Amino acid sequence: MPQQEARVLILHSDVPGVFCAGADLKERKGMSIDDVREFVSRLRALTDAIDSLPMPTIAALDGVALGGGLEMALACDLRVAGPEAKVALPEVRLGIIPGAGGTQRLSRVVGYSRACDLTFSGRRVNANEGVSMGLFSECAEQDASVFPAYERALKMASDIAQGAPLALRAAKRAIRASGGVHGKVCDGMAAEADAYELVLHSSDRVEALEAFAEKRKPTFEGR
């Protein structure tokens, strides 16, 4: 369907239990710095493209969303969690930082302190906690469906689509212009890219990948 005809977009996975598990660390270990830079640049462009869509967007998370997977969901206007949803930005434990807008969009959705908590700790958040902090709009009830969040997102999309298409897009533009969630994202993304470039060249990043391959805890030296 042409973009100008779509009234609502839903982002979801056809894999039960997984929305998007993030980067493959085994693959990442064999990538050069230029390869990693190109990968992150493409992911950043993808999340920016999702973020800039003119129609309302909904991410339906029926499972795990880690790293770049959560960053894609954060680029949507609304997020619906399934009962088994678990999300995290674990990058600092891997010697890097979120590089596709996570440091910018998470704080605009859940606030500065909660964003610091989740980014610094890398801990996983379940559906109920995510709803309580505003990360998810709601948690879908468990039913016979394999994808309850997607089913709920379809219902939400149907309700939203009752609105006039031009009005929906105009409302989205106006909300974004308020500065709240999307205030100065472009400036923040540039700062995030600079910070990512710094850790990309660090010994700690290499140590994290080696530790993962060797199934041990990494020893970070801050360099």
Protein backbone atom coordinates (compact mmCIF):
# COMPACT_ATOMS: atom_id res chain seq x y z
CA MET A 1 0.00 0.00 0.00
CA PRO A 2 1.41 3.44 -0.90
CA GLN A 3 2.53 5.43 2.14
CA GLN A 4 0.05 8.21 1.43
CA GLU A 5 -2.84 5.70 1.65
CA ALA A 6 -1.79 3.96 4.88
CA ARG A 7 -3.64 5.26 7.94
CA VAL A 8 -1.80 3.33 10.67
CA LEU A 9 1.35 1.18 10.62
CA ILE A 10 1.98 -1.79 12.94
CA LEU A 11 5.52 -3.09 13.47
CA HIS A 12 5.63 -6.69 14.72
CA SER A 13 7.44 -10.01 14.39
CA ASP A 14 6.19 -13.31 12.99
CA VAL A 15 8.57 -15.22 15.31
CA PRO A 16 6.83 -16.35 18.54
CA GLY A 17 8.50 -15.02 21.67
CA VAL A 18 10.81 -12.60 19.87
CA PHE A 19 10.19 -9.08 18.59
CA CYS A 20 13.86 -8.48 17.76
CA ALA A 21 16.77 -9.95 19.75
CA GLY A 22 19.31 -7.34 18.70
CA ALA A 23 22.75 -7.81 17.19
CA ASP A 24 24.34 -11.24 16.75
CA LEU A 25 27.41 -11.00 18.99
CA LYS A 26 29.11 -13.97 17.34
CA GLU A 27 28.81 -12.20 14.00
CA ARG A 28 29.84 -8.87 15.55
CA LYS A 29 33.12 -10.40 16.81
CA GLY A 30 34.24 -11.02 13.22
CA MET A 31 33.32 -7.54 12.00
CA SER A 32 35.84 -4.76 11.47
CA ILE A 33 35.31 -1.32 12.98
CA ASP A 34 34.20 -0.08 9.57
CA ASP A 35 31.71 -2.97 9.34
CA VAL A 36 30.26 -2.14 12.76
CA ARG A 37 30.08 1.55 11.91
CA GLU A 38 28.19 0.76 8.69
CA PHE A 39 25.82 -1.63 10.50
CA VAL A 40 24.97 0.93 13.18
CA SER A 41 24.59 3.68 10.58
CA ARG A 42 22.05 1.57 8.69
CA LEU A 43 20.14 0.76 11.87
CA ARG A 44 20.13 4.42 12.84
CA ALA A 45 18.75 5.30 9.40
CA LEU A 46 16.04 2.66 9.83
CA THR A 47 14.88 3.96 13.21
CA ASP A 48 14.93 7.52 11.87
CA ALA A 49 12.81 6.40 8.90
CA ILE A 50 10.27 4.76 11.23
CA ASP A 51 10.26 7.86 13.44
CA SER A 52 9.59 10.15 10.48
CA LEU A 53 6.61 8.24 9.08
CA PRO A 54 3.63 10.61 8.79
CA MET A 55 0.94 8.19 9.98
CA PRO A 56 0.48 6.85 13.56
CA THR A 57 2.74 3.85 14.24
CA ILE A 58 2.35 1.01 16.76
CA ALA A 59 4.98 -1.53 17.83
CA ALA A 60 3.49 -4.85 18.98
CA LEU A 61 5.97 -6.66 21.22
CA ASP A 62 5.05 -10.30 21.78
CA GLY A 63 8.40 -11.26 23.23
CA VAL A 64 11.98 -10.14 23.68
CA ALA A 65 13.21 -6.81 22.28
CA LEU A 66 16.86 -6.14 23.05
CA GLY A 67 19.22 -3.40 21.92
CA GLY A 68 18.36 -2.36 18.40
CA GLY A 69 15.08 -4.23 18.69
CA LEU A 70 13.93 -1.93 21.48
CA GLU A 71 15.29 1.06 19.58
CA MET A 72 13.01 0.21 16.65
CA ALA A 73 10.03 -0.01 19.01
CA LEU A 74 10.96 3.33 20.59
CA ALA A 75 10.82 4.93 17.14
CA CYS A 76 7.08 4.13 17.01
CA ASP A 77 4.39 6.37 18.47
CA LEU A 78 2.80 3.64 20.60
CA ARG A 79 4.03 0.33 22.01
CA VAL A 80 1.82 -2.58 23.07
CA ALA A 81 3.34 -5.39 25.13
CA GLY A 82 2.33 -9.01 25.19
CA PRO A 83 2.33 -10.79 28.58
CA GLU A 84 5.76 -12.30 27.84
CA ALA A 85 7.41 -9.12 26.57
CA LYS A 86 10.85 -8.31 27.98
CA VAL A 87 12.93 -5.38 26.80
CA ALA A 88 16.39 -4.01 27.53
CA LEU A 89 19.23 -1.86 26.28
CA PRO A 90 22.17 -4.09 27.37
CA GLU A 91 24.87 -2.29 25.37
CA VAL A 92 26.96 -0.90 28.26
CA ARG A 93 27.56 -4.46 29.42
CA LEU A 94 29.04 -5.10 25.99
CA GLY A 95 31.40 -2.14 26.06
CA ILE A 96 29.27 0.07 23.80
CA ILE A 97 26.16 2.27 24.00
CA PRO A 98 22.78 2.23 22.23
CA GLY A 99 23.59 3.57 18.78
CA ALA A 100 20.27 3.80 16.94
CA GLY A 101 18.50 6.45 18.98
CA GLY A 102 18.04 4.56 22.24
CA THR A 103 19.77 7.19 24.37
CA GLN A 104 17.50 9.85 22.89
CA ARG A 105 14.09 8.27 22.49
CA LEU A 106 14.03 6.28 25.73
CA SER A 107 14.53 9.38 27.88
CA ARG A 108 11.80 11.19 25.97
CA VAL A 109 9.38 8.32 26.59
CA VAL A 110 10.09 7.36 30.23
CA GLY A 111 11.97 10.39 31.55
CA TYR A 112 15.61 11.09 32.35
CA SER A 113 16.00 9.12 35.59
CA ARG A 114 14.32 5.95 34.34
CA ALA A 115 16.29 6.14 31.10
CA CYS A 116 19.49 6.38 33.13
CA ASP A 117 18.43 3.38 35.22
CA LEU A 118 17.68 1.19 32.22
CA THR A 119 20.68 2.29 30.15
CA PHE A 120 23.27 2.17 32.94
CA SER A 121 22.09 -1.19 34.31
CA GLY A 122 21.11 -2.88 31.05
CA ARG A 123 18.43 -4.72 33.03
CA ARG A 124 15.36 -6.29 31.47
CA VAL A 125 11.91 -4.78 31.94
CA ASN A 126 8.78 -6.93 31.79
CA ALA A 127 5.38 -5.93 30.44
CA ASN A 128 3.87 -4.77 33.74
CA GLU A 129 6.84 -2.62 34.74
CA GLY A 130 6.97 -1.22 31.23
CA VAL A 131 3.34 -0.12 31.44
CA SER A 132 3.87 1.47 34.85
CA MET A 133 6.75 3.63 33.57
CA GLY A 134 5.01 4.59 30.33
CA LEU A 135 7.27 2.56 28.05
CA PHE A 136 4.23 0.57 26.88
CA SER A 137 0.79 2.03 26.27
CA GLU A 138 -0.74 -1.16 27.63
CA CYS A 139 -0.21 -4.88 28.12
CA ALA A 140 -2.41 -7.20 26.08
CA GLU A 141 -4.24 -9.93 27.96
CA GLN A 142 -3.12 -13.50 27.40
CA ASP A 143 -5.52 -15.44 25.21
CA ALA A 144 -5.39 -18.28 22.73
CA SER A 145 -3.49 -16.14 20.25
CA VAL A 146 0.24 -16.68 19.76
CA PHE A 147 0.55 -12.93 19.25
CA PRO A 148 -1.76 -11.18 21.76
CA ALA A 149 0.07 -7.85 21.48
CA TYR A 150 -0.35 -7.90 17.71
CA GLU A 151 -4.05 -8.71 18.05
CA ARG A 152 -4.46 -5.80 20.47
CA ALA A 153 -2.48 -3.53 18.14
CA LEU A 154 -4.82 -4.43 15.28
CA LYS A 155 -7.78 -3.36 17.42
CA MET A 156 -6.03 -0.12 18.35
CA ALA A 157 -5.17 0.54 14.71
CA SER A 158 -8.78 -0.08 13.70
CA ASP A 159 -9.97 2.42 16.30
CA ILE A 160 -7.36 5.01 15.28
CA ALA A 161 -8.20 4.56 11.59
CA GLN A 162 -11.73 5.81 12.26
CA GLY A 163 -10.23 9.28 12.41
CA ALA A 164 -9.83 11.41 9.30
CA PRO A 165 -6.49 10.57 7.61
CA LEU A 166 -5.40 14.18 7.15
CA ALA A 167 -6.39 15.00 10.72
CA LEU A 168 -4.41 12.04 12.10
CA ARG A 169 -1.27 13.11 10.28
CA ALA A 170 -1.77 16.74 11.23
CA ALA A 171 -2.26 15.75 14.88
CA LYS A 172 0.96 13.74 14.82
CA ARG A 173 2.89 16.67 13.36
CA ALA A 174 1.45 19.01 15.99
CA ILE A 175 2.26 16.67 18.88
CA ARG A 176 5.83 16.25 17.63
CA ALA A 177 6.20 20.03 17.30
CA SER A 178 5.34 20.42 21.00
CA GLY A 179 8.95 19.50 21.78
CA GLY A 180 8.13 16.82 24.36
CA VAL A 181 9.07 13.36 23.17
CA HIS A 182 10.71 14.54 19.95
CA GLY A 183 12.35 17.75 21.14
CA LYS A 184 15.82 18.23 19.65
CA VAL A 185 16.16 14.55 18.68
CA CYS A 186 18.39 15.47 15.73
CA ASP A 187 20.90 17.22 17.99
CA GLY A 188 20.80 14.31 20.40
CA MET A 189 21.33 11.75 17.65
CA ALA A 190 24.49 13.56 16.56
CA ALA A 191 25.78 13.44 20.15
CA GLU A 192 24.90 9.74 20.36
CA ALA A 193 26.81 9.04 17.13
CA ASP A 194 29.88 10.83 18.49
CA ALA A 195 29.70 8.88 21.75
CA TYR A 196 29.30 5.59 19.87
CA GLU A 197 32.38 6.36 17.78
CA LEU A 198 34.36 6.77 21.01
CA VAL A 199 33.41 3.37 22.45
CA LEU A 200 33.70 1.70 19.04
CA HIS A 201 37.49 2.05 19.27
CA SER A 202 37.74 0.95 22.92
CA SER A 203 39.52 -2.12 24.27
CA ASP A 204 36.50 -2.75 26.49
CA ARG A 205 34.33 -3.38 23.41
CA VAL A 206 36.78 -6.03 22.18
CA GLU A 207 36.95 -7.56 25.66
CA ALA A 208 33.16 -7.82 25.83
CA LEU A 209 32.99 -9.73 22.54
CA GLU A 210 35.84 -12.04 23.54
CA ALA A 211 34.21 -12.70 26.91
CA PHE A 212 30.92 -13.55 25.22
CA ALA A 213 32.64 -16.01 22.88
CA GLU A 214 34.50 -17.58 25.80
CA LYS A 215 31.37 -17.66 27.99
CA ARG A 216 32.89 -15.66 30.83
CA LYS A 217 32.31 -12.35 32.55
CA PRO A 218 34.17 -9.47 30.87
CA THR A 219 36.90 -7.58 32.69
CA PHE A 220 36.58 -3.92 31.76
CA GLU A 221 39.55 -1.58 32.19
CA GLY A 222 38.01 1.69 31.06
CA ARG A 223 40.07 2.08 27.92
